[in-house]
Amino acid sequence: MSDAMHMVCPNCGGVNSVPVDRLGRSPKCGKCKQPLFQAKAWPVNGQMFERQLTRSDIPVLVDFWAPWCGPCRMMAPAFEQAAIRLEPQVLLLKVNTEEEQAPAAQFGIRSIPTTILFVGGCEIDRVSGALDARGIVDWTRQVLARA
């Protein structure tokens, strides 16, 4: 039997144990039956953000943004495109800093957009400013390779 990773369903918050060799085979949530990966960045509230960080074994890439921020709006499609290229190795989340001020304060977000990569619930690197899809993917892969 292969090793398994815990994966929090971005739909319902259920914690799933997924064999590593099945991550790329469109695993579904045991609770809500929705796909665990949908090649998109998931908007999350503070509670789901915390659950993803503390219960998921998969690396989590988070875009801290705000709706009034021009560079954030420019980067949004690129972040979605990056999700297509990074899943299932990385889960992408979006935290609206206007609606979810606690996570932004917890991680000292001073400028947006800020993208943070978490592994095992711990921040391993961050970048501030808008990136294109290639920049997001390349930066994420480089950081993971060093981790």
N, C-alpha and C. Protein backbone atom coordinates (compact mmCIF):
# COMPACT_ATOMS: atom_id res chain seq x y z
N MET A 1 0.84 -1.19 0.00
CA MET A 1 0.00 0.00 0.00
C MET A 1 0.88 1.24 0.00
N SER A 2 0.50 2.26 -0.77
CA SER A 2 1.31 3.47 -0.88
C SER A 2 1.03 4.43 0.26
N ASP A 3 1.92 5.37 0.40
CA ASP A 3 1.72 6.42 1.40
C ASP A 3 0.52 7.27 1.00
N ALA A 4 -0.13 7.84 2.00
CA ALA A 4 -1.30 8.68 1.74
C ALA A 4 -1.05 10.09 2.28
N MET A 5 -1.74 11.04 1.69
CA MET A 5 -1.69 12.43 2.12
C MET A 5 -3.09 12.83 2.57
N HIS A 6 -3.13 13.69 3.58
CA HIS A 6 -4.42 14.26 3.99
C HIS A 6 -4.68 15.47 3.11
N MET A 7 -5.92 15.55 2.66
CA MET A 7 -6.34 16.62 1.78
C MET A 7 -7.68 17.13 2.26
N VAL A 8 -7.77 18.42 2.53
CA VAL A 8 -9.04 19.02 2.93
C VAL A 8 -9.81 19.38 1.67
N CYS A 9 -11.04 18.91 1.60
CA CYS A 9 -11.89 19.22 0.46
C CYS A 9 -12.19 20.71 0.45
N PRO A 10 -11.88 21.40 -0.66
CA PRO A 10 -12.18 22.83 -0.72
C PRO A 10 -13.66 23.13 -0.85
N ASN A 11 -14.47 22.10 -1.13
CA ASN A 11 -15.92 22.27 -1.24
C ASN A 11 -16.60 22.24 0.13
N CYS A 12 -16.32 21.18 0.91
CA CYS A 12 -17.06 20.96 2.15
C CYS A 12 -16.20 20.99 3.41
N GLY A 13 -14.87 20.98 3.25
CA GLY A 13 -13.99 21.00 4.41
C GLY A 13 -13.69 19.64 4.99
N GLY A 14 -14.23 18.58 4.39
CA GLY A 14 -13.95 17.23 4.86
C GLY A 14 -12.49 16.87 4.65
N VAL A 15 -11.92 16.12 5.60
CA VAL A 15 -10.53 15.69 5.49
C VAL A 15 -10.51 14.30 4.85
N ASN A 16 -9.74 14.18 3.78
CA ASN A 16 -9.64 12.95 3.02
C ASN A 16 -8.22 12.41 3.07
N SER A 17 -8.09 11.10 3.13
CA SER A 17 -6.79 10.44 3.03
C SER A 17 -6.68 9.91 1.60
N VAL A 18 -5.74 10.49 0.84
CA VAL A 18 -5.60 10.14 -0.56
C VAL A 18 -4.24 9.50 -0.79
N PRO A 19 -4.20 8.28 -1.33
CA PRO A 19 -2.91 7.68 -1.65
C PRO A 19 -2.14 8.58 -2.61
N VAL A 20 -0.85 8.76 -2.36
CA VAL A 20 -0.03 9.66 -3.17
C VAL A 20 -0.11 9.29 -4.64
N ASP A 21 -0.11 8.02 -4.95
CA ASP A 21 -0.13 7.60 -6.35
C ASP A 21 -1.50 7.83 -7.01
N ARG A 22 -2.49 8.29 -6.26
CA ARG A 22 -3.81 8.58 -6.82
C ARG A 22 -4.11 10.07 -6.91
N LEU A 23 -3.19 10.92 -6.47
CA LEU A 23 -3.43 12.36 -6.51
C LEU A 23 -3.75 12.85 -7.92
N GLY A 24 -3.07 12.33 -8.90
CA GLY A 24 -3.28 12.77 -10.28
C GLY A 24 -4.43 12.09 -10.99
N ARG A 25 -5.21 11.29 -10.27
CA ARG A 25 -6.31 10.54 -10.88
C ARG A 25 -7.68 11.07 -10.48
N SER A 26 -7.79 12.37 -10.32
CA SER A 26 -9.06 13.03 -10.01
C SER A 26 -9.75 12.45 -8.77
N PRO A 27 -9.08 12.45 -7.62
CA PRO A 27 -9.73 11.92 -6.42
C PRO A 27 -10.93 12.76 -6.03
N LYS A 28 -11.90 12.10 -5.41
CA LYS A 28 -13.12 12.79 -4.96
C LYS A 28 -13.20 12.75 -3.45
N CYS A 29 -13.92 13.71 -2.90
CA CYS A 29 -14.12 13.79 -1.46
C CYS A 29 -15.02 12.65 -1.00
N GLY A 30 -14.62 12.00 0.08
CA GLY A 30 -15.42 10.92 0.63
C GLY A 30 -16.71 11.42 1.26
N LYS A 31 -16.76 12.71 1.60
CA LYS A 31 -17.93 13.28 2.26
C LYS A 31 -18.95 13.84 1.25
N CYS A 32 -18.50 14.75 0.38
CA CYS A 32 -19.45 15.41 -0.53
C CYS A 32 -19.39 14.87 -1.97
N LYS A 33 -18.41 14.00 -2.23
CA LYS A 33 -18.25 13.35 -3.54
C LYS A 33 -17.82 14.30 -4.66
N GLN A 34 -17.47 15.54 -4.33
CA GLN A 34 -16.97 16.48 -5.33
C GLN A 34 -15.48 16.22 -5.57
N PRO A 35 -14.96 16.57 -6.76
CA PRO A 35 -13.53 16.41 -7.02
C PRO A 35 -12.71 17.27 -6.06
N LEU A 36 -11.61 16.70 -5.56
CA LEU A 36 -10.73 17.46 -4.67
C LEU A 36 -9.93 18.51 -5.44
N PHE A 37 -9.73 18.27 -6.71
CA PHE A 37 -9.02 19.23 -7.57
C PHE A 37 -9.93 19.60 -8.72
N GLN A 38 -10.05 20.90 -8.98
CA GLN A 38 -10.90 21.36 -10.08
C GLN A 38 -10.17 22.37 -10.94
N ALA A 39 -8.82 22.39 -10.85
CA ALA A 39 -7.99 23.29 -11.66
C ALA A 39 -8.45 24.74 -11.52
N LYS A 40 -8.64 25.15 -10.26
CA LYS A 40 -9.02 26.53 -9.99
C LYS A 40 -8.50 26.95 -8.63
N ALA A 41 -8.45 28.25 -8.45
CA ALA A 41 -8.09 28.81 -7.15
C ALA A 41 -9.37 28.99 -6.34
N TRP A 42 -9.34 28.52 -5.09
CA TRP A 42 -10.53 28.52 -4.25
C TRP A 42 -10.58 29.74 -3.35
N PRO A 43 -11.65 30.56 -3.44
CA PRO A 43 -11.83 31.61 -2.45
C PRO A 43 -12.21 30.98 -1.12
N VAL A 44 -11.55 31.39 -0.05
CA VAL A 44 -11.81 30.79 1.26
C VAL A 44 -12.01 31.86 2.31
N ASN A 45 -12.80 31.49 3.34
CA ASN A 45 -12.94 32.36 4.50
C ASN A 45 -11.83 32.00 5.49
N GLY A 46 -11.77 32.71 6.58
CA GLY A 46 -10.72 32.50 7.57
C GLY A 46 -10.73 31.10 8.15
N GLN A 47 -11.91 30.55 8.39
CA GLN A 47 -12.01 29.21 8.97
C GLN A 47 -11.50 28.14 8.00
N MET A 48 -11.89 28.23 6.72
CA MET A 48 -11.43 27.25 5.74
C MET A 48 -9.93 27.43 5.48
N PHE A 49 -9.45 28.65 5.49
CA PHE A 49 -8.02 28.91 5.33
C PHE A 49 -7.24 28.19 6.43
N GLU A 50 -7.67 28.37 7.66
CA GLU A 50 -7.01 27.74 8.80
C GLU A 50 -7.08 26.21 8.69
N ARG A 51 -8.22 25.70 8.30
CA ARG A 51 -8.38 24.24 8.16
C ARG A 51 -7.45 23.69 7.09
N GLN A 52 -7.35 24.39 5.97
CA GLN A 52 -6.45 23.94 4.91
C GLN A 52 -5.00 23.90 5.40
N LEU A 53 -4.60 24.94 6.12
CA LEU A 53 -3.20 25.00 6.59
C LEU A 53 -2.89 23.94 7.63
N THR A 54 -3.84 23.68 8.52
CA THR A 54 -3.55 22.78 9.65
C THR A 54 -3.85 21.31 9.37
N ARG A 55 -4.68 21.03 8.37
CA ARG A 55 -5.10 19.63 8.15
C ARG A 55 -4.64 19.03 6.82
N SER A 56 -4.17 19.86 5.88
CA SER A 56 -3.75 19.36 4.57
C SER A 56 -2.25 19.09 4.55
N ASP A 57 -1.87 17.98 3.94
CA ASP A 57 -0.46 17.67 3.74
C ASP A 57 0.08 18.27 2.45
N ILE A 58 -0.79 18.61 1.54
CA ILE A 58 -0.39 19.15 0.25
C ILE A 58 0.06 20.61 0.43
N PRO A 59 1.08 21.06 -0.31
CA PRO A 59 1.45 22.48 -0.25
C PRO A 59 0.27 23.35 -0.66
N VAL A 60 0.17 24.51 -0.01
CA VAL A 60 -0.93 25.44 -0.27
C VAL A 60 -0.34 26.79 -0.67
N LEU A 61 -0.76 27.27 -1.82
CA LEU A 61 -0.34 28.57 -2.33
C LEU A 61 -1.50 29.54 -2.17
N VAL A 62 -1.26 30.65 -1.48
CA VAL A 62 -2.35 31.56 -1.13
C VAL A 62 -2.11 32.95 -1.71
N ASP A 63 -3.12 33.46 -2.39
CA ASP A 63 -3.12 34.83 -2.91
C ASP A 63 -3.93 35.69 -1.95
N PHE A 64 -3.25 36.60 -1.26
CA PHE A 64 -3.92 37.59 -0.41
C PHE A 64 -4.19 38.80 -1.30
N TRP A 65 -5.45 39.17 -1.43
CA TRP A 65 -5.85 40.20 -2.39
C TRP A 65 -7.00 41.02 -1.83
N ALA A 66 -7.40 42.05 -2.55
CA ALA A 66 -8.58 42.85 -2.21
C ALA A 66 -9.26 43.28 -3.51
N PRO A 67 -10.59 43.41 -3.48
CA PRO A 67 -11.32 43.73 -4.71
C PRO A 67 -11.01 45.13 -5.27
N TRP A 68 -10.58 46.08 -4.45
CA TRP A 68 -10.28 47.42 -4.92
C TRP A 68 -8.88 47.55 -5.52
N CYS A 69 -8.08 46.50 -5.40
CA CYS A 69 -6.67 46.53 -5.80
C CYS A 69 -6.52 46.21 -7.29
N GLY A 70 -6.08 47.17 -8.08
CA GLY A 70 -5.89 46.97 -9.52
C GLY A 70 -4.92 45.84 -9.84
N PRO A 71 -3.71 45.82 -9.25
CA PRO A 71 -2.80 44.72 -9.53
C PRO A 71 -3.37 43.36 -9.12
N CYS A 72 -4.18 43.32 -8.06
CA CYS A 72 -4.81 42.06 -7.64
C CYS A 72 -5.77 41.57 -8.72
N ARG A 73 -6.57 42.49 -9.27
CA ARG A 73 -7.52 42.12 -10.32
C ARG A 73 -6.78 41.68 -11.58
N MET A 74 -5.63 42.32 -11.87
CA MET A 74 -4.84 41.93 -13.03
C MET A 74 -4.24 40.54 -12.85
N MET A 75 -3.86 40.19 -11.62
CA MET A 75 -3.22 38.91 -11.36
C MET A 75 -4.23 37.76 -11.25
N ALA A 76 -5.49 38.05 -10.98
CA ALA A 76 -6.49 37.00 -10.74
C ALA A 76 -6.55 35.95 -11.85
N PRO A 77 -6.63 36.34 -13.13
CA PRO A 77 -6.66 35.31 -14.17
C PRO A 77 -5.37 34.48 -14.22
N ALA A 78 -4.24 35.11 -13.95
CA ALA A 78 -2.96 34.39 -13.95
C ALA A 78 -2.92 33.36 -12.81
N PHE A 79 -3.48 33.72 -11.66
CA PHE A 79 -3.52 32.79 -10.54
C PHE A 79 -4.40 31.59 -10.88
N GLU A 80 -5.50 31.83 -11.56
CA GLU A 80 -6.38 30.74 -12.01
C GLU A 80 -5.64 29.83 -13.00
N GLN A 81 -4.90 30.43 -13.93
CA GLN A 81 -4.14 29.64 -14.90
C GLN A 81 -3.05 28.83 -14.20
N ALA A 82 -2.44 29.40 -13.18
CA ALA A 82 -1.41 28.68 -12.42
C ALA A 82 -2.00 27.45 -11.74
N ALA A 83 -3.25 27.54 -11.30
CA ALA A 83 -3.89 26.39 -10.66
C ALA A 83 -3.96 25.21 -11.62
N ILE A 84 -4.23 25.47 -12.87
CA ILE A 84 -4.30 24.40 -13.87
C ILE A 84 -2.95 23.69 -13.98
N ARG A 85 -1.87 24.45 -13.89
CA ARG A 85 -0.53 23.88 -14.08
C ARG A 85 0.06 23.29 -12.80
N LEU A 86 -0.39 23.76 -11.65
CA LEU A 86 0.22 23.30 -10.40
C LEU A 86 -0.52 22.14 -9.72
N GLU A 87 -1.82 22.01 -9.98
CA GLU A 87 -2.55 20.89 -9.38
C GLU A 87 -2.14 19.59 -10.04
N PRO A 88 -2.08 18.48 -9.34
CA PRO A 88 -2.47 18.23 -7.96
C PRO A 88 -1.32 18.35 -6.95
N GLN A 89 -0.18 18.88 -7.36
CA GLN A 89 0.94 19.00 -6.43
C GLN A 89 0.76 20.14 -5.43
N VAL A 90 -0.04 21.13 -5.79
CA VAL A 90 -0.26 22.32 -4.96
C VAL A 90 -1.72 22.71 -5.05
N LEU A 91 -2.30 23.12 -3.93
CA LEU A 91 -3.67 23.64 -3.90
C LEU A 91 -3.58 25.16 -3.81
N LEU A 92 -4.35 25.87 -4.64
CA LEU A 92 -4.33 27.32 -4.66
C LEU A 92 -5.58 27.89 -4.00
N LEU A 93 -5.37 28.83 -3.09
CA LEU A 93 -6.46 29.48 -2.35
C LEU A 93 -6.36 30.99 -2.52
N LYS A 94 -7.50 31.66 -2.39
CA LYS A 94 -7.55 33.13 -2.44
C LYS A 94 -8.20 33.63 -1.15
N VAL A 95 -7.53 34.59 -0.49
CA VAL A 95 -8.05 35.20 0.72
C VAL A 95 -8.28 36.68 0.45
N ASN A 96 -9.54 37.09 0.52
CA ASN A 96 -9.92 38.49 0.35
C ASN A 96 -9.60 39.21 1.67
N THR A 97 -8.61 40.07 1.66
CA THR A 97 -8.16 40.73 2.89
C THR A 97 -9.15 41.74 3.43
N GLU A 98 -10.10 42.16 2.61
CA GLU A 98 -11.15 43.06 3.09
C GLU A 98 -12.16 42.30 3.95
N GLU A 99 -12.49 41.10 3.52
CA GLU A 99 -13.47 40.28 4.24
C GLU A 99 -12.84 39.43 5.33
N GLU A 100 -11.60 39.04 5.15
CA GLU A 100 -10.90 38.15 6.08
C GLU A 100 -9.65 38.83 6.61
N GLN A 101 -9.85 39.75 7.55
CA GLN A 101 -8.74 40.54 8.05
C GLN A 101 -7.84 39.78 9.02
N ALA A 102 -8.38 38.79 9.71
CA ALA A 102 -7.57 38.05 10.70
C ALA A 102 -6.40 37.31 10.05
N PRO A 103 -6.62 36.53 8.97
CA PRO A 103 -5.46 35.87 8.36
C PRO A 103 -4.45 36.87 7.81
N ALA A 104 -4.94 37.97 7.25
CA ALA A 104 -4.02 38.99 6.73
C ALA A 104 -3.17 39.57 7.86
N ALA A 105 -3.78 39.82 8.99
CA ALA A 105 -3.03 40.34 10.14
C ALA A 105 -2.08 39.28 10.69
N GLN A 106 -2.55 38.04 10.77
CA GLN A 106 -1.73 36.95 11.31
C GLN A 106 -0.43 36.79 10.52
N PHE A 107 -0.49 36.98 9.20
CA PHE A 107 0.70 36.79 8.38
C PHE A 107 1.33 38.11 7.95
N GLY A 108 0.94 39.21 8.60
CA GLY A 108 1.60 40.49 8.37
C GLY A 108 1.53 40.97 6.93
N ILE A 109 0.37 40.82 6.31
CA ILE A 109 0.21 41.27 4.93
C ILE A 109 0.17 42.80 4.94
N ARG A 110 1.17 43.41 4.32
CA ARG A 110 1.28 44.87 4.29
C ARG A 110 1.05 45.42 2.88
N SER A 111 1.21 44.57 1.89
CA SER A 111 1.03 45.00 0.52
C SER A 111 0.33 43.87 -0.23
N ILE A 112 -0.54 44.25 -1.15
CA ILE A 112 -1.25 43.24 -1.91
C ILE A 112 -1.08 43.52 -3.40
N PRO A 113 -1.11 42.51 -4.23
CA PRO A 113 -1.23 41.11 -3.85
C PRO A 113 0.06 40.58 -3.21
N THR A 114 -0.12 39.72 -2.24
CA THR A 114 0.99 38.96 -1.65
C THR A 114 0.63 37.49 -1.79
N THR A 115 1.59 36.73 -2.31
CA THR A 115 1.40 35.30 -2.50
C THR A 115 2.33 34.58 -1.53
N ILE A 116 1.77 33.66 -0.74
CA ILE A 116 2.55 32.91 0.24
C ILE A 116 2.39 31.42 -0.04
N LEU A 117 3.52 30.72 0.02
CA LEU A 117 3.52 29.27 -0.13
C LEU A 117 3.71 28.65 1.25
N PHE A 118 2.78 27.74 1.60
CA PHE A 118 2.81 27.03 2.87
C PHE A 118 3.05 25.55 2.62
N VAL A 119 3.89 24.95 3.43
CA VAL A 119 4.11 23.51 3.41
C VAL A 119 4.00 23.03 4.85
N GLY A 120 3.16 22.04 5.07
CA GLY A 120 2.96 21.54 6.43
C GLY A 120 2.43 22.61 7.37
N GLY A 121 1.66 23.55 6.83
CA GLY A 121 1.07 24.61 7.64
C GLY A 121 2.00 25.76 7.94
N CYS A 122 3.25 25.68 7.49
CA CYS A 122 4.24 26.72 7.76
C CYS A 122 4.57 27.50 6.49
N GLU A 123 4.68 28.81 6.64
CA GLU A 123 5.10 29.64 5.51
C GLU A 123 6.54 29.30 5.16
N ILE A 124 6.78 29.04 3.87
CA ILE A 124 8.16 28.79 3.47
C ILE A 124 8.71 29.90 2.57
N ASP A 125 7.83 30.69 1.95
CA ASP A 125 8.30 31.85 1.18
C ASP A 125 7.09 32.69 0.79
N ARG A 126 7.38 33.93 0.40
CA ARG A 126 6.33 34.84 -0.06
C ARG A 126 6.90 35.79 -1.09
N VAL A 127 6.00 36.31 -1.90
CA VAL A 127 6.36 37.31 -2.88
C VAL A 127 5.22 38.33 -2.92
N SER A 128 5.58 39.61 -2.97
CA SER A 128 4.58 40.67 -3.07
C SER A 128 4.62 41.25 -4.47
N GLY A 129 3.45 41.65 -4.95
CA GLY A 129 3.34 42.19 -6.29
C GLY A 129 2.70 41.19 -7.23
N ALA A 130 2.17 41.72 -8.33
CA ALA A 130 1.48 40.88 -9.31
C ALA A 130 2.48 40.10 -10.14
N LEU A 131 2.14 38.84 -10.39
CA LEU A 131 2.94 37.97 -11.24
C LEU A 131 2.05 37.44 -12.35
N ASP A 132 2.66 37.08 -13.48
CA ASP A 132 1.89 36.40 -14.51
C ASP A 132 1.87 34.91 -14.18
N ALA A 133 1.10 34.14 -14.94
CA ALA A 133 0.93 32.72 -14.64
C ALA A 133 2.27 31.99 -14.63
N ARG A 134 3.10 32.26 -15.60
CA ARG A 134 4.41 31.60 -15.65
C ARG A 134 5.24 31.96 -14.44
N GLY A 135 5.21 33.22 -14.04
CA GLY A 135 5.95 33.65 -12.86
C GLY A 135 5.48 32.95 -11.60
N ILE A 136 4.17 32.80 -11.46
CA ILE A 136 3.60 32.11 -10.29
C ILE A 136 4.05 30.65 -10.27
N VAL A 137 3.93 29.98 -11.41
CA VAL A 137 4.28 28.56 -11.50
C VAL A 137 5.78 28.37 -11.27
N ASP A 138 6.60 29.17 -11.96
CA ASP A 138 8.05 29.02 -11.83
C ASP A 138 8.51 29.30 -10.40
N TRP A 139 8.00 30.38 -9.79
CA TRP A 139 8.38 30.72 -8.41
C TRP A 139 7.98 29.60 -7.46
N THR A 140 6.78 29.09 -7.60
CA THR A 140 6.29 28.01 -6.71
C THR A 140 7.15 26.78 -6.85
N ARG A 141 7.44 26.37 -8.06
CA ARG A 141 8.26 25.17 -8.26
C ARG A 141 9.69 25.35 -7.74
N GLN A 142 10.24 26.53 -7.90
CA GLN A 142 11.60 26.79 -7.40
C GLN A 142 11.62 26.73 -5.88
N VAL A 143 10.64 27.32 -5.24
CA VAL A 143 10.58 27.30 -3.78
C VAL A 143 10.40 25.87 -3.26
N LEU A 144 9.51 25.12 -3.89
CA LEU A 144 9.29 23.73 -3.48
C LEU A 144 10.54 22.88 -3.69
N ALA A 145 11.30 23.14 -4.73
CA ALA A 145 12.52 22.38 -4.99
C ALA A 145 13.57 22.64 -3.90
N ARG A 146 13.56 23.85 -3.34
CA ARG A 146 14.50 24.19 -2.26
C ARG A 146 14.04 23.67 -0.90
N ALA A 147 12.74 23.43 -0.77
CA ALA A 147 12.17 23.05 0.54
C ALA A 147 12.55 21.64 0.95
